[in-house]
Amino acid sequence: MNDQRTEQLHSLTIERSEVDTRSGGPGWAAVIVAMVLAGGAGAAAAWFLLPEPEAAPAIQAQSPAVEERVQADNASTAAPAPRPAVNSGLVASGYVVARRQATVSAEITGRIRDVLIEEGAVVEAGEVLAYLDDDRAQIDLDLYEAQEAAANERARALAAQLTEARTVLERTERLVTSGYASDSRRTAQQAQVDSLRAQLSAARADLAAAQVRVRSQRDYVDRHIVRAPFGGVVIAKNAQVGEILSPVSAGGGFTRTGIATLVDMESLELEVDVNEGQIQRVSAGQQVEAILDAYPDWRIPAHVEAIIPTADRARATIRVRVALGERDARILPDMAARVTFLDET
């Protein structure tokens, strides 16, 4: 009897590795033996119907290379660190323009006799730029000056005659008073004085008219001289000696409308076009940073001078004038530029 029970117990023995794999520990072998002793084979069969316990997760050691790669992957997938905020304002493009720029011409039509300037010349206000042929004007001036001199001499002669007639009239009045002359003589002498007085007035009027003609002709002669209306730099020489200059001509051939183009470099500024949808970000006096395309590393401080109160319907833009904070010989008219309107913080 003992041998039979011993054989039964031996048949129910479970290997240690199998128990460890299924149950995760050696404690289940003792439970099975107790169940067999208590209830025999039926209890043992009930044990096999129980759910298999989950195996504990195995912890595996990783190599240093694998750990570094995992850390790198975690770093790449992590959220990037926030960058500091940059004050990036509205950007617009435009050109350098001059508030004072003029094509200098004469007020009359004439042939150019001499041109005294070249491109790049610096001139002062009132400096002579060119001369027109004024020979005919000078002849007329000489004629008017001679007429003025003649009118002046005639007036002087009449004034002398009037002085003499007044003296004679005074003597005649004394003779009439003393009874040595008649009243008719005194009346005739009075008429002579009145006539000379009228002639003298007419002569003086003629003299004044002659003087006006002389002044007018001198001004006309002076208009044959082309002068600079303001100080600046000559950026274009538009005419040559021998060509006809006419301010009312359409140009072409030998007819020119101007001698030269003059720019006041002290009046240079920027004109940029801002989209009308962004114009609310621009205000008068706002600080601006300008960069010329010719000098991309040079940042010029500037500010908004004015916003032109009209819009371009075709391009949906509004023009803004920007005053430069620096004056430099490198800044030239019609240079392309980009400006950044700095947001106020």
C-alpha atoms as a PDB file:
ATOM      1  CA  MET A   1       0.000   0.000   0.000  1.00  0.00           C
ATOM      2  CA  ASN A   2       2.800   2.366   0.857  1.00  0.00           C
ATOM      3  CA  ASP A   3       4.646   1.455  -2.306  1.00  0.00           C
ATOM      4  CA  GLN A   4       1.577   2.214  -4.463  1.00  0.00           C
ATOM      5  CA  ARG A   5       1.092   5.648  -2.844  1.00  0.00           C
ATOM      6  CA  THR A   6       4.778   6.380  -3.237  1.00  0.00           C
ATOM      7  CA  GLU A   7       4.600   5.610  -6.956  1.00  0.00           C
ATOM      8  CA  GLN A   8       1.552   7.883  -7.314  1.00  0.00           C
ATOM      9  CA  LEU A   9       3.320  10.730  -5.614  1.00  0.00           C
ATOM     10  CA  HIS A  10       6.367  10.194  -7.780  1.00  0.00           C
ATOM     11  CA  SER A  11       4.269  10.413 -10.946  1.00  0.00           C
ATOM     12  CA  LEU A  12       2.890  13.738  -9.811  1.00  0.00           C
ATOM     13  CA  THR A  13       6.343  15.273  -9.312  1.00  0.00           C
ATOM     14  CA  ILE A  14       6.976  18.388 -11.507  1.00  0.00           C
ATOM     15  CA  GLU A  15      10.378  19.451 -12.634  1.00  0.00           C
ATOM     16  CA  ARG A  16      11.694  22.642 -10.988  1.00  0.00           C
ATOM     17  CA  SER A  17      12.353  24.481 -14.302  1.00  0.00           C
ATOM     18  CA  GLU A  18       8.774  23.819 -15.471  1.00  0.00           C
ATOM     19  CA  VAL A  19       7.333  25.098 -12.240  1.00  0.00           C
ATOM     20  CA  ASP A  20       9.493  28.175 -12.347  1.00  0.00           C
ATOM     21  CA  THR A  21       8.399  28.891 -15.927  1.00  0.00           C
ATOM     22  CA  ARG A  22       4.667  28.494 -15.344  1.00  0.00           C
ATOM     23  CA  SER A  23       4.250  29.797 -11.864  1.00  0.00           C
ATOM     24  CA  GLY A  24       7.217  32.088 -11.439  1.00  0.00           C
ATOM     25  CA  GLY A  25       8.417  30.327  -8.233  1.00  0.00           C
ATOM     26  CA  PRO A  26       8.809  26.997  -6.350  1.00  0.00           C
ATOM     27  CA  GLY A  27       5.882  27.623  -4.015  1.00  0.00           C
ATOM     28  CA  TRP A  28       3.325  25.965  -6.274  1.00  0.00           C
ATOM     29  CA  ALA A  29       4.968  22.478  -5.978  1.00  0.00           C
ATOM     30  CA  ALA A  30       4.183  22.357  -2.282  1.00  0.00           C
ATOM     31  CA  VAL A  31       0.606  23.430  -2.921  1.00  0.00           C
ATOM     32  CA  ILE A  32       0.134  20.613  -5.455  1.00  0.00           C
ATOM     33  CA  VAL A  33       1.473  17.987  -3.063  1.00  0.00           C
ATOM     34  CA  ALA A  34      -0.881  19.220  -0.374  1.00  0.00           C
ATOM     35  CA  MET A  35      -3.821  19.092  -2.749  1.00  0.00           C
ATOM     36  CA  VAL A  36      -3.008  15.520  -3.767  1.00  0.00           C
ATOM     37  CA  LEU A  37      -2.706  14.430  -0.183  1.00  0.00           C
ATOM     38  CA  ALA A  38      -5.963  16.182   0.636  1.00  0.00           C
ATOM     39  CA  GLY A  39      -8.141  15.217  -2.264  1.00  0.00           C
ATOM     40  CA  GLY A  40      -6.213  12.989  -4.573  1.00  0.00           C
ATOM     41  CA  ALA A  41      -6.103  13.306  -8.327  1.00  0.00           C
ATOM     42  CA  GLY A  42      -9.318  15.419  -8.589  1.00  0.00           C
ATOM     43  CA  ALA A  43      -7.810  18.295  -6.710  1.00  0.00           C
ATOM     44  CA  ALA A  44      -4.717  18.088  -8.877  1.00  0.00           C
ATOM     45  CA  ALA A  45      -6.867  18.272 -12.009  1.00  0.00           C
ATOM     46  CA  ALA A  46      -8.653  21.364 -10.650  1.00  0.00           C
ATOM     47  CA  TRP A  47      -5.332  23.071 -10.315  1.00  0.00           C
ATOM     48  CA  PHE A  48      -4.625  22.614 -14.013  1.00  0.00           C
ATOM     49  CA  LEU A  49      -7.942  24.418 -14.801  1.00  0.00           C
ATOM     50  CA  LEU A  50      -6.831  27.544 -12.915  1.00  0.00           C
ATOM     51  CA  PRO A  51      -5.684  30.522 -15.140  1.00  0.00           C
ATOM     52  CA  GLU A  52      -2.009  30.655 -15.732  1.00  0.00           C
ATOM     53  CA  PRO A  53      -0.417  33.567 -13.858  1.00  0.00           C
ATOM     54  CA  GLU A  54       1.264  36.299 -15.923  1.00  0.00           C
ATOM     55  CA  ALA A  55       4.985  36.052 -16.165  1.00  0.00           C
ATOM     56  CA  ALA A  56       6.903  38.868 -14.570  1.00  0.00           C
ATOM     57  CA  PRO A  57       8.559  41.138 -17.129  1.00  0.00           C
ATOM     58  CA  ALA A  58      12.150  40.263 -17.614  1.00  0.00           C
ATOM     59  CA  ILE A  59      14.645  43.045 -17.025  1.00  0.00           C
ATOM     60  CA  GLN A  60      17.398  42.949 -19.530  1.00  0.00           C
ATOM     61  CA  ALA A  61      20.562  44.919 -19.261  1.00  0.00           C
ATOM     62  CA  GLN A  62      21.282  47.197 -22.209  1.00  0.00           C
ATOM     63  CA  SER A  63      24.656  48.036 -23.609  1.00  0.00           C
ATOM     64  CA  PRO A  64      26.024  51.601 -23.275  1.00  0.00           C
ATOM     65  CA  ALA A  65      25.671  52.174 -27.066  1.00  0.00           C
ATOM     66  CA  VAL A  66      21.992  51.248 -26.978  1.00  0.00           C
ATOM     67  CA  GLU A  67      21.399  53.505 -23.970  1.00  0.00           C
ATOM     68  CA  GLU A  68      23.047  56.481 -25.782  1.00  0.00           C
ATOM     69  CA  ARG A  69      20.899  55.893 -28.879  1.00  0.00           C
ATOM     70  CA  VAL A  70      17.741  55.738 -26.771  1.00  0.00           C
ATOM     71  CA  GLN A  71      18.680  58.971 -25.007  1.00  0.00           C
ATOM     72  CA  ALA A  72      19.349  60.649 -28.377  1.00  0.00           C
ATOM     73  CA  ASP A  73      15.960  59.519 -29.702  1.00  0.00           C
ATOM     74  CA  ASN A  74      14.245  60.849 -26.604  1.00  0.00           C
ATOM     75  CA  ALA A  75      16.044  64.175 -26.966  1.00  0.00           C
ATOM     76  CA  SER A  76      15.035  64.472 -30.654  1.00  0.00           C
ATOM     77  CA  THR A  77      11.382  63.789 -29.912  1.00  0.00           C
ATOM     78  CA  ALA A  78      11.283  66.143 -26.935  1.00  0.00           C
ATOM     79  CA  ALA A  79       9.642  69.545 -27.374  1.00  0.00           C
ATOM     80  CA  PRO A  80      12.139  72.194 -28.616  1.00  0.00           C
ATOM     81  CA  ALA A  81      13.195  74.874 -26.186  1.00  0.00           C
ATOM     82  CA  PRO A  82      11.356  78.184 -26.739  1.00  0.00           C
ATOM     83  CA  ARG A  83      13.376  80.790 -28.654  1.00  0.00           C
ATOM     84  CA  PRO A  84      13.596  84.365 -27.481  1.00  0.00           C
ATOM     85  CA  ALA A  85      11.116  86.655 -29.178  1.00  0.00           C
ATOM     86  CA  VAL A  86      12.592  88.774 -31.987  1.00  0.00           C
ATOM     87  CA  ASN A  87      11.205  92.253 -32.749  1.00  0.00           C
ATOM     88  CA  SER A  88      10.510  91.679 -36.466  1.00  0.00           C
ATOM     89  CA  GLY A  89       8.360  94.534 -37.798  1.00  0.00           C
ATOM     90  CA  LEU A  90       6.737  95.249 -41.105  1.00  0.00           C
ATOM     91  CA  VAL A  91       9.121  95.162 -44.093  1.00  0.00           C
ATOM     92  CA  ALA A  92       8.637  97.293 -47.207  1.00  0.00           C
ATOM     93  CA  SER A  93      10.746  98.191 -50.221  1.00  0.00           C
ATOM     94  CA  GLY A  94      11.308 101.480 -51.986  1.00  0.00           C
ATOM     95  CA  TYR A  95      13.881 103.879 -53.393  1.00  0.00           C
ATOM     96  CA  VAL A  96      16.038 106.811 -52.382  1.00  0.00           C
ATOM     97  CA  VAL A  97      14.520 110.061 -53.641  1.00  0.00           C
ATOM     98  CA  ALA A  98      15.334 113.749 -53.291  1.00  0.00           C
ATOM     99  CA  ARG A  99      12.834 116.253 -51.987  1.00  0.00           C
ATOM    100  CA  ARG A 100      14.683 118.982 -53.941  1.00  0.00           C
ATOM    101  CA  GLN A 101      15.520 117.976 -57.482  1.00  0.00           C
ATOM    102  CA  ALA A 102      15.178 120.091 -60.610  1.00  0.00           C
ATOM    103  CA  THR A 103      16.026 120.125 -64.285  1.00  0.00           C
ATOM    104  CA  VAL A 104      17.542 123.586 -64.620  1.00  0.00           C
ATOM    105  CA  SER A 105      16.647 125.565 -67.725  1.00  0.00           C
ATOM    106  CA  ALA A 106      16.437 129.130 -68.984  1.00  0.00           C
ATOM    107  CA  GLU A 107      13.198 131.070 -69.098  1.00  0.00           C
ATOM    108  CA  ILE A 108      13.706 132.006 -72.742  1.00  0.00           C
ATOM    109  CA  THR A 109      14.515 130.254 -75.984  1.00  0.00           C
ATOM    110  CA  GLY A 110      18.069 130.638 -77.242  1.00  0.00           C
ATOM    111  CA  ARG A 111      21.161 128.977 -78.553  1.00  0.00           C
ATOM    112  CA  ILE A 112      23.583 127.613 -75.984  1.00  0.00           C
ATOM    113  CA  ARG A 113      26.890 129.434 -76.135  1.00  0.00           C
ATOM    114  CA  ASP A 114      28.733 127.860 -73.204  1.00  0.00           C
ATOM    115  CA  VAL A 115      28.177 125.134 -70.587  1.00  0.00           C
ATOM    116  CA  LEU A 116      30.272 125.363 -67.429  1.00  0.00           C
ATOM    117  CA  ILE A 117      29.371 122.169 -65.549  1.00  0.00           C
ATOM    118  CA  GLU A 118      29.803 118.408 -65.845  1.00  0.00           C
ATOM    119  CA  GLU A 119      28.223 115.412 -64.142  1.00  0.00           C
ATOM    120  CA  GLY A 120      29.197 115.170 -60.492  1.00  0.00           C
ATOM    121  CA  ALA A 121      29.978 118.865 -60.102  1.00  0.00           C
ATOM    122  CA  VAL A 122      29.028 120.449 -56.792  1.00  0.00           C
ATOM    123  CA  VAL A 123      27.455 123.883 -57.277  1.00  0.00           C
ATOM    124  CA  GLU A 124      26.263 126.626 -54.957  1.00  0.00           C
ATOM    125  CA  ALA A 125      22.989 128.518 -55.123  1.00  0.00           C
ATOM    126  CA  GLY A 126      23.193 131.227 -57.805  1.00  0.00           C
ATOM    127  CA  GLU A 127      26.269 129.753 -59.502  1.00  0.00           C
ATOM    128  CA  VAL A 128      26.355 130.122 -63.296  1.00  0.00           C
ATOM    129  CA  LEU A 129      25.779 126.846 -65.142  1.00  0.00           C
ATOM    130  CA  ALA A 130      25.574 127.990 -68.769  1.00  0.00           C
ATOM    131  CA  TYR A 131      25.296 130.988 -71.091  1.00  0.00           C
ATOM    132  CA  LEU A 132      22.953 131.515 -74.014  1.00  0.00           C
ATOM    133  CA  ASP A 133      23.776 133.631 -77.035  1.00  0.00           C
ATOM    134  CA  ASP A 134      22.707 137.173 -76.042  1.00  0.00           C
ATOM    135  CA  ASP A 135      24.127 139.293 -78.889  1.00  0.00           C
ATOM    136  CA  ARG A 136      20.728 140.462 -80.135  1.00  0.00           C
ATOM    137  CA  ALA A 137      19.578 141.191 -76.598  1.00  0.00           C
ATOM    138  CA  GLN A 138      22.669 143.282 -75.983  1.00  0.00           C
ATOM    139  CA  ILE A 139      22.003 145.350 -79.120  1.00  0.00           C
ATOM    140  CA  ASP A 140      18.476 146.081 -77.949  1.00  0.00           C
ATOM    141  CA  LEU A 141      19.810 146.986 -74.534  1.00  0.00           C
ATOM    142  CA  ASP A 142      22.209 149.498 -76.060  1.00  0.00           C
ATOM    143  CA  LEU A 143      19.328 151.040 -78.019  1.00  0.00           C
ATOM    144  CA  TYR A 144      17.154 151.413 -74.938  1.00  0.00           C
ATOM    145  CA  GLU A 145      19.985 152.885 -72.929  1.00  0.00           C
ATOM    146  CA  ALA A 146      20.536 155.479 -75.673  1.00  0.00           C
ATOM    147  CA  GLN A 147      16.851 156.340 -75.664  1.00  0.00           C
ATOM    148  CA  GLU A 148      17.001 156.718 -71.920  1.00  0.00           C
ATOM    149  CA  ALA A 149      19.931 159.089 -72.211  1.00  0.00           C
ATOM    150  CA  ALA A 150      18.120 161.163 -74.863  1.00  0.00           C
ATOM    151  CA  ALA A 151      14.976 161.411 -72.734  1.00  0.00           C
ATOM    152  CA  ASN A 152      17.076 162.459 -69.786  1.00  0.00           C
ATOM    153  CA  GLU A 153      18.771 165.240 -71.765  1.00  0.00           C
ATOM    154  CA  ARG A 154      15.484 166.481 -73.161  1.00  0.00           C
ATOM    155  CA  ALA A 155      14.047 166.661 -69.654  1.00  0.00           C
ATOM    156  CA  ARG A 156      17.080 168.568 -68.430  1.00  0.00           C
ATOM    157  CA  ALA A 157      16.780 171.063 -71.307  1.00  0.00           C
ATOM    158  CA  LEU A 158      13.135 171.686 -70.623  1.00  0.00           C
ATOM    159  CA  ALA A 159      13.866 172.112 -66.936  1.00  0.00           C
ATOM    160  CA  ALA A 160      16.424 174.806 -67.783  1.00  0.00           C
ATOM    161  CA  GLN A 161      13.986 176.554 -70.121  1.00  0.00           C
ATOM    162  CA  LEU A 162      11.314 176.459 -67.458  1.00  0.00           C
ATOM    163  CA  THR A 163      13.677 178.030 -64.917  1.00  0.00           C
ATOM    164  CA  GLU A 164      14.463 180.866 -67.351  1.00  0.00           C
ATOM    165  CA  ALA A 165      10.765 181.392 -68.175  1.00  0.00           C
ATOM    166  CA  ARG A 166       9.913 181.688 -64.484  1.00  0.00           C
ATOM    167  CA  THR A 167      12.660 184.268 -64.011  1.00  0.00           C
ATOM    168  CA  VAL A 168      11.331 186.328 -66.927  1.00  0.00           C
ATOM    169  CA  LEU A 169       7.801 186.046 -65.575  1.00  0.00           C
ATOM    170  CA  GLU A 170       8.892 187.398 -62.180  1.00  0.00           C
ATOM    171  CA  ARG A 171      10.665 190.394 -63.834  1.00  0.00           C
ATOM    172  CA  THR A 172       7.622 191.096 -66.006  1.00  0.00           C
ATOM    173  CA  GLU A 173       5.356 191.135 -62.943  1.00  0.00           C
ATOM    174  CA  ARG A 174       7.605 193.714 -61.279  1.00  0.00           C
ATOM    175  CA  LEU A 175       7.532 195.877 -64.414  1.00  0.00           C
ATOM    176  CA  VAL A 176       3.765 195.643 -64.614  1.00  0.00           C
ATOM    177  CA  THR A 177       3.523 196.688 -60.964  1.00  0.00           C
ATOM    178  CA  SER A 178       5.756 199.728 -61.608  1.00  0.00           C
ATOM    179  CA  GLY A 179       3.880 200.572 -64.810  1.00  0.00           C
ATOM    180  CA  TYR A 180       6.674 199.834 -67.245  1.00  0.00           C
ATOM    181  CA  ALA A 181       5.002 196.715 -68.793  1.00  0.00           C
ATOM    182  CA  SER A 182       1.527 195.805 -69.869  1.00  0.00           C
ATOM    183  CA  ASP A 183      -0.648 192.995 -68.584  1.00  0.00           C
ATOM    184  CA  SER A 184      -0.595 191.275 -71.983  1.00  0.00           C
ATOM    185  CA  ARG A 185       3.127 190.815 -71.713  1.00  0.00           C
ATOM    186  CA  ARG A 186       2.746 189.270 -68.311  1.00  0.00           C
ATOM    187  CA  THR A 187       0.018 186.935 -69.633  1.00  0.00           C
ATOM    188  CA  ALA A 188       2.201 185.777 -72.535  1.00  0.00           C
ATOM    189  CA  GLN A 189       5.073 185.108 -70.197  1.00  0.00           C
ATOM    190  CA  GLN A 190       2.821 183.105 -67.898  1.00  0.00           C
ATOM    191  CA  ALA A 191       1.661 180.969 -70.834  1.00  0.00           C
ATOM    192  CA  GLN A 192       5.285 180.282 -71.727  1.00  0.00           C
ATOM    193  CA  VAL A 193       5.990 179.037 -68.203  1.00  0.00           C
ATOM    194  CA  ASP A 194       2.944 176.783 -68.206  1.00  0.00           C
ATOM    195  CA  SER A 195       3.887 175.284 -71.588  1.00  0.00           C
ATOM    196  CA  LEU A 196       7.435 174.530 -70.509  1.00  0.00           C
ATOM    197  CA  ARG A 197       6.143 172.992 -67.298  1.00  0.00           C
ATOM    198  CA  ALA A 198       3.893 170.628 -69.286  1.00  0.00           C
ATOM    199  CA  GLN A 199       6.701 169.760 -71.705  1.00  0.00           C
ATOM    200  CA  LEU A 200       8.991 169.009 -68.789  1.00  0.00           C
ATOM    201  CA  SER A 201       6.403 166.681 -67.249  1.00  0.00           C
ATOM    202  CA  ALA A 202       6.058 164.810 -70.564  1.00  0.00           C
ATOM    203  CA  ALA A 203       9.818 164.581 -70.929  1.00  0.00           C
ATOM    204  CA  ARG A 204      10.158 163.165 -67.458  1.00  0.00           C
ATOM    205  CA  ALA A 205       7.456 160.601 -68.217  1.00  0.00           C
ATOM    206  CA  ASP A 206       9.321 159.613 -71.368  1.00  0.00           C
ATOM    207  CA  LEU A 207      12.486 159.326 -69.302  1.00  0.00           C
ATOM    208  CA  ALA A 208      10.739 157.045 -66.819  1.00  0.00           C
ATOM    209  CA  ALA A 209       9.452 154.856 -69.648  1.00  0.00           C
ATOM    210  CA  ALA A 210      12.936 154.667 -71.144  1.00  0.00           C
ATOM    211  CA  GLN A 211      14.348 153.645 -67.782  1.00  0.00           C
ATOM    212  CA  VAL A 212      11.735 150.880 -67.473  1.00  0.00           C
ATOM    213  CA  ARG A 213      12.628 149.609 -70.958  1.00  0.00           C
ATOM    214  CA  VAL A 214      16.271 149.539 -69.959  1.00  0.00           C
ATOM    215  CA  ARG A 215      15.565 147.581 -66.777  1.00  0.00           C
ATOM    216  CA  SER A 216      13.394 145.162 -68.691  1.00  0.00           C
ATOM    217  CA  GLN A 217      16.040 144.619 -71.336  1.00  0.00           C
ATOM    218  CA  ARG A 218      18.730 144.135 -68.724  1.00  0.00           C
ATOM    219  CA  ASP A 219      16.560 141.495 -67.099  1.00  0.00           C
ATOM    220  CA  TYR A 220      16.072 139.872 -70.511  1.00  0.00           C
ATOM    221  CA  VAL A 221      19.823 139.838 -71.036  1.00  0.00           C
ATOM    222  CA  ASP A 222      20.280 138.324 -67.593  1.00  0.00           C
ATOM    223  CA  ARG A 223      17.865 135.533 -68.509  1.00  0.00           C
ATOM    224  CA  HIS A 224      20.425 134.344 -71.044  1.00  0.00           C
ATOM    225  CA  ILE A 225      22.483 133.211 -68.032  1.00  0.00           C
ATOM    226  CA  VAL A 226      21.422 129.895 -66.455  1.00  0.00           C
ATOM    227  CA  ARG A 227      22.068 129.786 -62.717  1.00  0.00           C
ATOM    228  CA  ALA A 228      21.631 127.114 -60.066  1.00  0.00           C
ATOM    229  CA  PRO A 229      18.401 127.656 -58.100  1.00  0.00           C
ATOM    230  CA  PHE A 230      19.860 125.884 -55.042  1.00  0.00           C
ATOM    231  CA  GLY A 231      23.039 124.199 -53.958  1.00  0.00           C
ATOM    232  CA  GLY A 232      23.524 120.574 -54.914  1.00  0.00           C
ATOM    233  CA  VAL A 233      25.182 118.052 -57.193  1.00  0.00           C
ATOM    234  CA  VAL A 234      24.796 117.808 -60.968  1.00  0.00           C
ATOM    235  CA  ILE A 235      23.634 114.273 -61.767  1.00  0.00           C
ATOM    236  CA  ALA A 236      22.967 114.776 -65.496  1.00  0.00           C
ATOM    237  CA  LYS A 237      24.211 117.121 -68.204  1.00  0.00           C
ATOM    238  CA  ASN A 238      21.336 117.437 -70.659  1.00  0.00           C
ATOM    239  CA  ALA A 239      22.600 119.899 -73.284  1.00  0.00           C
ATOM    240  CA  GLN A 240      25.692 120.806 -75.259  1.00  0.00           C
ATOM    241  CA  VAL A 241      27.075 123.956 -76.821  1.00  0.00           C
ATOM    242  CA  GLY A 242      25.288 124.926 -80.035  1.00  0.00           C
ATOM    243  CA  GLU A 243      21.954 123.316 -79.214  1.00  0.00           C
ATOM    244  CA  ILE A 244      18.750 125.298 -78.936  1.00  0.00           C
ATOM    245  CA  LEU A 245      17.332 125.559 -75.435  1.00  0.00           C
ATOM    246  CA  SER A 246      13.598 126.099 -75.094  1.00  0.00           C
ATOM    247  CA  PRO A 247      11.610 125.573 -71.874  1.00  0.00           C
ATOM    248  CA  VAL A 248       8.379 125.151 -73.864  1.00  0.00           C
ATOM    249  CA  SER A 249       9.751 122.636 -76.362  1.00  0.00           C
ATOM    250  CA  ALA A 250       8.986 118.922 -76.314  1.00  0.00           C
ATOM    251  CA  GLY A 251      12.632 118.135 -76.969  1.00  0.00           C
ATOM    252  CA  GLY A 252      14.213 116.117 -79.740  1.00  0.00           C
ATOM    253  CA  GLY A 253      16.846 117.022 -82.301  1.00  0.00           C
ATOM    254  CA  PHE A 254      18.884 120.024 -81.258  1.00  0.00           C
ATOM    255  CA  THR A 255      16.180 121.454 -79.005  1.00  0.00           C
ATOM    256  CA  ARG A 256      16.639 120.882 -75.284  1.00  0.00           C
ATOM    257  CA  THR A 257      14.385 121.716 -72.377  1.00  0.00           C
ATOM    258  CA  GLY A 258      17.076 121.830 -69.709  1.00  0.00           C
ATOM    259  CA  ILE A 259      20.776 122.323 -69.181  1.00  0.00           C
ATOM    260  CA  ALA A 260      21.307 119.913 -66.292  1.00  0.00           C
ATOM    261  CA  THR A 261      19.564 117.983 -63.524  1.00  0.00           C
ATOM    262  CA  LEU A 262      20.459 119.217 -60.058  1.00  0.00           C
ATOM    263  CA  VAL A 263      19.895 117.323 -56.792  1.00  0.00           C
ATOM    264  CA  ASP A 264      20.121 118.623 -53.248  1.00  0.00           C
ATOM    265  CA  MET A 265      21.858 115.749 -51.461  1.00  0.00           C
ATOM    266  CA  GLU A 266      20.793 117.098 -48.074  1.00  0.00           C
ATOM    267  CA  SER A 267      17.168 116.408 -48.982  1.00  0.00           C
ATOM    268  CA  LEU A 268      17.555 112.683 -49.726  1.00  0.00           C
ATOM    269  CA  GLU A 269      14.982 110.397 -48.137  1.00  0.00           C
ATOM    270  CA  LEU A 270      13.221 107.089 -48.785  1.00  0.00           C
ATOM    271  CA  GLU A 271       9.854 106.500 -50.381  1.00  0.00           C
ATOM    272  CA  VAL A 272       8.364 103.062 -49.785  1.00  0.00           C
ATOM    273  CA  ASP A 273       5.050 101.461 -50.681  1.00  0.00           C
ATOM    274  CA  VAL A 274       3.177  99.786 -47.825  1.00  0.00           C
ATOM    275  CA  ASN A 275       0.283  97.425 -48.429  1.00  0.00           C
ATOM    276  CA  GLU A 276      -2.904  99.184 -47.406  1.00  0.00           C
ATOM    277  CA  GLY A 277      -3.840  96.161 -45.290  1.00  0.00           C
ATOM    278  CA  GLN A 278      -0.745  96.787 -43.127  1.00  0.00           C
ATOM    279  CA  ILE A 279      -0.791 100.580 -42.983  1.00  0.00           C
ATOM    280  CA  GLN A 280      -2.281 100.511 -39.472  1.00  0.00           C
ATOM    281  CA  ARG A 281       1.138  99.268 -38.285  1.00  0.00           C
ATOM    282  CA  VAL A 282       2.798 102.484 -39.488  1.00  0.00           C
ATOM    283  CA  SER A 283       2.646 105.839 -37.689  1.00  0.00           C
ATOM    284  CA  ALA A 284       4.373 109.200 -38.022  1.00  0.00           C
ATOM    285  CA  GLY A 285       7.627 109.339 -36.070  1.00  0.00           C
ATOM    286  CA  GLN A 286       7.922 105.531 -35.883  1.00  0.00           C
ATOM    287  CA  GLN A 287      11.475 104.222 -35.799  1.00  0.00           C
ATOM    288  CA  VAL A 288      12.673 102.507 -38.964  1.00  0.00           C
ATOM    289  CA  GLU A 289      15.744 100.518 -39.941  1.00  0.00           C
ATOM    290  CA  ALA A 290      16.814 100.980 -43.569  1.00  0.00           C
ATOM    291  CA  ILE A 291      19.142  98.777 -45.622  1.00  0.00           C
ATOM    292  CA  LEU A 292      20.386  99.723 -49.079  1.00  0.00           C
ATOM    293  CA  ASP A 293      20.674  96.890 -51.574  1.00  0.00           C
ATOM    294  CA  ALA A 294      24.134  98.186 -52.495  1.00  0.00           C
ATOM    295  CA  TYR A 295      25.318  97.949 -48.856  1.00  0.00           C
ATOM    296  CA  PRO A 296      23.450  95.026 -47.243  1.00  0.00           C
ATOM    297  CA  ASP A 297      25.576  95.137 -44.057  1.00  0.00           C
ATOM    298  CA  TRP A 298      24.921  98.828 -43.390  1.00  0.00           C
ATOM    299  CA  ARG A 299      21.871  99.454 -41.212  1.00  0.00           C
ATOM    300  CA  ILE A 300      20.755 103.072 -41.344  1.00  0.00           C
ATOM    301  CA  PRO A 301      18.591 104.453 -38.529  1.00  0.00           C
ATOM    302  CA  ALA A 302      15.569 106.363 -39.784  1.00  0.00           C
ATOM    303  CA  HIS A 303      12.031 107.342 -38.861  1.00  0.00           C
ATOM    304  CA  VAL A 304       8.695 107.835 -40.587  1.00  0.00           C
ATOM    305  CA  GLU A 305       8.455 111.420 -41.842  1.00  0.00           C
ATOM    306  CA  ALA A 306       4.926 111.315 -43.231  1.00  0.00           C
ATOM    307  CA  ILE A 307       2.258 109.028 -44.623  1.00  0.00           C
ATOM    308  CA  ILE A 308       0.969 110.287 -47.976  1.00  0.00           C
ATOM    309  CA  PRO A 309      -2.829 110.558 -47.530  1.00  0.00           C
ATOM    310  CA  THR A 310      -3.793 108.715 -50.704  1.00  0.00           C
ATOM    311  CA  ALA A 311      -3.729 105.131 -51.938  1.00  0.00           C
ATOM    312  CA  ASP A 312      -2.708 103.560 -55.223  1.00  0.00           C
ATOM    313  CA  ARG A 313      -5.833 101.851 -56.497  1.00  0.00           C
ATOM    314  CA  ALA A 314      -3.962  99.625 -58.959  1.00  0.00           C
ATOM    315  CA  ARG A 315      -1.418  98.265 -56.472  1.00  0.00           C
ATOM    316  CA  ALA A 316      -3.404  98.674 -53.245  1.00  0.00           C
ATOM    317  CA  THR A 317      -0.491 100.441 -51.559  1.00  0.00           C
ATOM    318  CA  ILE A 318       0.082 103.671 -49.664  1.00  0.00           C
ATOM    319  CA  ARG A 319       3.283 105.683 -50.002  1.00  0.00           C
ATOM    320  CA  VAL A 320       5.294 106.441 -46.878  1.00  0.00           C
ATOM    321  CA  ARG A 321       8.130 108.971 -46.601  1.00  0.00           C
ATOM    322  CA  VAL A 322      11.064 107.890 -44.430  1.00  0.00           C
ATOM    323  CA  ALA A 323      13.651 110.415 -43.218  1.00  0.00           C
ATOM    324  CA  LEU A 324      17.220 109.127 -42.954  1.00  0.00           C
ATOM    325  CA  GLY A 325      19.055 109.535 -39.672  1.00  0.00           C
ATOM    326  CA  GLU A 326      22.478 109.602 -41.339  1.00  0.00           C
ATOM    327  CA  ARG A 327      23.967 111.606 -44.215  1.00  0.00           C
ATOM    328  CA  ASP A 328      26.591 109.816 -46.213  1.00  0.00           C
ATOM    329  CA  ALA A 329      28.142 110.182 -49.661  1.00  0.00           C
ATOM    330  CA  ARG A 330      27.286 106.546 -50.381  1.00  0.00           C
ATOM    331  CA  ILE A 331      23.571 107.307 -50.405  1.00  0.00           C
ATOM    332  CA  LEU A 332      22.608 108.198 -53.977  1.00  0.00           C
ATOM    333  CA  PRO A 333      19.271 109.006 -55.631  1.00  0.00           C
ATOM    334  CA  ASP A 334      17.216 106.096 -57.032  1.00  0.00           C
ATOM    335  CA  MET A 335      19.047 103.462 -54.969  1.00  0.00           C
ATOM    336  CA  ALA A 336      16.869 100.504 -54.002  1.00  0.00           C
ATOM    337  CA  ALA A 337      16.285 100.011 -50.297  1.00  0.00           C
ATOM    338  CA  ARG A 338      14.387  97.870 -47.814  1.00  0.00           C
ATOM    339  CA  VAL A 339      13.014  99.257 -44.567  1.00  0.00           C
ATOM    340  CA  THR A 340      11.798  97.542 -41.438  1.00  0.00           C
ATOM    341  CA  PHE A 341       9.214  99.382 -39.370  1.00  0.00           C
ATOM    342  CA  LEU A 342      10.165  98.534 -35.803  1.00  0.00           C
ATOM    343  CA  ASP A 343       7.231  97.509 -33.671  1.00  0.00           C
ATOM    344  CA  GLU A 344       6.814  99.659 -30.606  1.00  0.00           C
ATOM    345  CA  THR A 345       7.324  97.678 -27.397  1.00  0.00           C
END
